[in-house]
Amino acid sequence: MIFLAAIAVIVIGYICMAQPPVDGFLSLTLAPILLVIGYVFLIPAALLMKSQKELDASGASSPDQETGAA
């Protein structure tokens, strides 16, 4: 779900960047902010949450279970 929100934010950022005038608020201020939020925060958060869910689903919740140590 976060991944879809990230894609939406990135697409909105590119749409804002393409709006005239080139030196306007949308293309100079809002678009870069949206793109940074999408690429730097939302995409990594979605990937980390996905890997955490996969780790929980596999049953390897502690390092001791993976190595077989008691």
N, C-alpha and C. Protein backbone atom coordinates (compact mmCIF):
# COMPACT_ATOMS: atom_id res chain seq x y z
N MET A 1 0.82 -1.19 0.00
CA MET A 1 0.00 0.00 0.00
C MET A 1 0.87 1.26 0.00
N ILE A 2 1.94 1.24 0.78
CA ILE A 2 2.85 2.39 0.81
C ILE A 2 3.54 2.54 -0.53
N PHE A 3 3.83 1.42 -1.17
CA PHE A 3 4.49 1.47 -2.48
C PHE A 3 3.61 2.18 -3.50
N LEU A 4 2.31 1.91 -3.49
CA LEU A 4 1.40 2.58 -4.42
C LEU A 4 1.31 4.08 -4.11
N ALA A 5 1.34 4.43 -2.84
CA ALA A 5 1.34 5.85 -2.48
C ALA A 5 2.62 6.52 -2.95
N ALA A 6 3.73 5.82 -2.86
CA ALA A 6 5.00 6.37 -3.33
C ALA A 6 4.97 6.61 -4.83
N ILE A 7 4.44 5.66 -5.58
CA ILE A 7 4.34 5.82 -7.02
C ILE A 7 3.43 7.00 -7.35
N ALA A 8 2.33 7.14 -6.63
CA ALA A 8 1.41 8.25 -6.87
C ALA A 8 2.08 9.59 -6.58
N VAL A 9 2.83 9.68 -5.49
CA VAL A 9 3.52 10.92 -5.14
C VAL A 9 4.56 11.26 -6.20
N ILE A 10 5.28 10.27 -6.69
CA ILE A 10 6.29 10.50 -7.71
C ILE A 10 5.65 10.97 -9.02
N VAL A 11 4.56 10.34 -9.41
CA VAL A 11 3.87 10.75 -10.64
C VAL A 11 3.33 12.17 -10.51
N ILE A 12 2.74 12.49 -9.36
CA ILE A 12 2.26 13.86 -9.14
C ILE A 12 3.41 14.85 -9.17
N GLY A 13 4.56 14.46 -8.63
CA GLY A 13 5.73 15.32 -8.67
C GLY A 13 6.18 15.62 -10.09
N TYR A 14 6.21 14.60 -10.95
CA TYR A 14 6.59 14.82 -12.34
C TYR A 14 5.54 15.64 -13.09
N ILE A 15 4.28 15.44 -12.79
CA ILE A 15 3.22 16.25 -13.42
C ILE A 15 3.36 17.72 -13.00
N CYS A 16 3.63 17.95 -11.73
CA CYS A 16 3.83 19.33 -11.26
C CYS A 16 5.06 19.96 -11.91
N MET A 17 6.09 19.18 -12.14
CA MET A 17 7.30 19.71 -12.76
C MET A 17 7.06 20.11 -14.21
N ALA A 18 6.13 19.46 -14.87
CA ALA A 18 5.87 19.74 -16.27
C ALA A 18 4.93 20.93 -16.48
N GLN A 19 4.35 21.46 -15.41
CA GLN A 19 3.40 22.56 -15.55
C GLN A 19 4.11 23.89 -15.78
N PRO A 20 3.59 24.68 -16.74
CA PRO A 20 4.17 26.02 -16.94
C PRO A 20 3.67 26.95 -15.85
N PRO A 21 4.28 28.00 -15.54
CA PRO A 21 5.58 28.48 -16.03
C PRO A 21 6.72 27.71 -15.37
N VAL A 22 7.84 27.72 -16.04
CA VAL A 22 8.99 26.94 -15.56
C VAL A 22 9.50 27.48 -14.23
N ASP A 23 9.39 28.76 -14.01
CA ASP A 23 9.87 29.34 -12.75
C ASP A 23 8.75 29.54 -11.73
N GLY A 24 7.68 28.78 -11.85
CA GLY A 24 6.56 28.89 -10.93
C GLY A 24 6.74 28.05 -9.67
N PHE A 25 5.79 28.17 -8.77
CA PHE A 25 5.85 27.45 -7.49
C PHE A 25 5.80 25.94 -7.68
N LEU A 26 4.93 25.47 -8.57
CA LEU A 26 4.78 24.03 -8.75
C LEU A 26 6.05 23.38 -9.24
N SER A 27 6.64 23.96 -10.27
CA SER A 27 7.80 23.30 -10.89
C SER A 27 9.09 23.53 -10.13
N LEU A 28 9.20 24.63 -9.41
CA LEU A 28 10.46 24.91 -8.71
C LEU A 28 10.48 24.47 -7.25
N THR A 29 9.33 24.42 -6.61
CA THR A 29 9.30 24.14 -5.18
C THR A 29 8.57 22.83 -4.85
N LEU A 30 7.33 22.73 -5.28
CA LEU A 30 6.51 21.59 -4.88
C LEU A 30 6.97 20.28 -5.53
N ALA A 31 7.27 20.32 -6.82
CA ALA A 31 7.67 19.09 -7.52
C ALA A 31 8.92 18.45 -6.93
N PRO A 32 10.00 19.20 -6.70
CA PRO A 32 11.18 18.56 -6.08
C PRO A 32 10.91 17.99 -4.68
N ILE A 33 10.08 18.69 -3.91
CA ILE A 33 9.75 18.20 -2.57
C ILE A 33 9.00 16.87 -2.68
N LEU A 34 8.02 16.80 -3.58
CA LEU A 34 7.27 15.55 -3.76
C LEU A 34 8.17 14.42 -4.24
N LEU A 35 9.07 14.71 -5.17
CA LEU A 35 9.96 13.67 -5.69
C LEU A 35 10.91 13.16 -4.61
N VAL A 36 11.44 14.05 -3.80
CA VAL A 36 12.34 13.62 -2.72
C VAL A 36 11.57 12.77 -1.71
N ILE A 37 10.37 13.19 -1.35
CA ILE A 37 9.57 12.40 -0.42
C ILE A 37 9.31 11.01 -0.99
N GLY A 38 8.96 10.95 -2.27
CA GLY A 38 8.67 9.66 -2.89
C GLY A 38 9.87 8.75 -2.98
N TYR A 39 10.99 9.29 -3.49
CA TYR A 39 12.18 8.46 -3.72
C TYR A 39 12.99 8.18 -2.46
N VAL A 40 13.08 9.14 -1.54
CA VAL A 40 13.97 8.99 -0.40
C VAL A 40 13.27 8.38 0.83
N PHE A 41 11.97 8.65 0.97
CA PHE A 41 11.28 8.17 2.17
C PHE A 41 10.28 7.05 1.90
N LEU A 42 9.39 7.23 0.94
CA LEU A 42 8.30 6.28 0.77
C LEU A 42 8.74 4.96 0.13
N ILE A 43 9.54 5.02 -0.93
CA ILE A 43 10.00 3.78 -1.58
C ILE A 43 10.83 2.93 -0.60
N PRO A 44 11.84 3.49 0.07
CA PRO A 44 12.57 2.66 1.04
C PRO A 44 11.70 2.15 2.19
N ALA A 45 10.75 2.96 2.65
CA ALA A 45 9.85 2.50 3.72
C ALA A 45 9.02 1.32 3.25
N ALA A 46 8.53 1.40 2.01
CA ALA A 46 7.74 0.28 1.47
C ALA A 46 8.58 -0.98 1.35
N LEU A 47 9.82 -0.83 0.89
CA LEU A 47 10.69 -2.01 0.75
C LEU A 47 11.05 -2.60 2.10
N LEU A 48 11.32 -1.75 3.08
CA LEU A 48 11.66 -2.25 4.42
C LEU A 48 10.47 -2.93 5.07
N MET A 49 9.28 -2.38 4.91
CA MET A 49 8.10 -3.01 5.49
C MET A 49 7.80 -4.34 4.82
N LYS A 50 8.04 -4.44 3.52
CA LYS A 50 7.82 -5.69 2.82
C LYS A 50 8.79 -6.76 3.30
N SER A 51 10.07 -6.39 3.45
CA SER A 51 11.04 -7.38 3.89
C SER A 51 10.78 -7.79 5.33
N GLN A 52 10.30 -6.88 6.16
CA GLN A 52 9.97 -7.22 7.54
C GLN A 52 8.79 -8.20 7.58
N LYS A 53 7.78 -7.99 6.74
CA LYS A 53 6.65 -8.90 6.71
C LYS A 53 7.08 -10.28 6.23
N GLU A 54 7.97 -10.33 5.23
CA GLU A 54 8.47 -11.62 4.74
C GLU A 54 9.27 -12.33 5.83
N LEU A 55 10.03 -11.57 6.59
CA LEU A 55 10.83 -12.16 7.66
C LEU A 55 9.92 -12.73 8.74
N ASP A 56 8.86 -12.00 9.09
CA ASP A 56 7.92 -12.48 10.10
C ASP A 56 7.16 -13.71 9.60
N ALA A 57 6.83 -13.74 8.34
CA ALA A 57 6.09 -14.87 7.78
C ALA A 57 6.92 -16.14 7.74
N SER A 58 8.23 -15.99 7.59
CA SER A 58 9.09 -17.18 7.52
C SER A 58 9.33 -17.79 8.89
N GLY A 59 9.02 -17.06 9.95
CA GLY A 59 9.17 -17.60 11.30
C GLY A 59 10.54 -17.36 11.89
N ALA A 60 11.39 -16.65 11.21
CA ALA A 60 12.74 -16.36 11.71
C ALA A 60 12.71 -15.01 12.42
N SER A 61 12.12 -14.99 13.60
CA SER A 61 11.97 -13.72 14.31
C SER A 61 13.17 -13.40 15.18
N SER A 62 14.00 -14.39 15.49
CA SER A 62 15.18 -14.11 16.30
C SER A 62 16.42 -14.72 15.64
N PRO A 63 17.58 -14.13 15.87
CA PRO A 63 18.80 -14.66 15.28
C PRO A 63 19.16 -16.06 15.79
N ASP A 64 18.73 -16.40 17.02
CA ASP A 64 19.05 -17.71 17.58
C ASP A 64 18.38 -18.84 16.78
N GLN A 65 17.20 -18.59 16.24
CA GLN A 65 16.51 -19.62 15.47
C GLN A 65 17.21 -19.87 14.15
N GLU A 66 17.81 -18.84 13.56
CA GLU A 66 18.48 -19.02 12.28
C GLU A 66 19.75 -19.84 12.40
N THR A 67 20.52 -19.64 13.49
CA THR A 67 21.79 -20.35 13.65
C THR A 67 21.63 -21.69 14.35
N GLY A 68 20.50 -21.90 14.97
CA GLY A 68 20.26 -23.14 15.67
C GLY A 68 20.81 -23.16 17.07
N ALA A 69 21.31 -22.03 17.57
CA ALA A 69 21.85 -21.95 18.92
C ALA A 69 20.71 -21.93 19.93
N ALA A 70 20.97 -22.44 21.10
CA ALA A 70 19.92 -22.48 22.12
C ALA A 70 20.07 -21.39 23.12
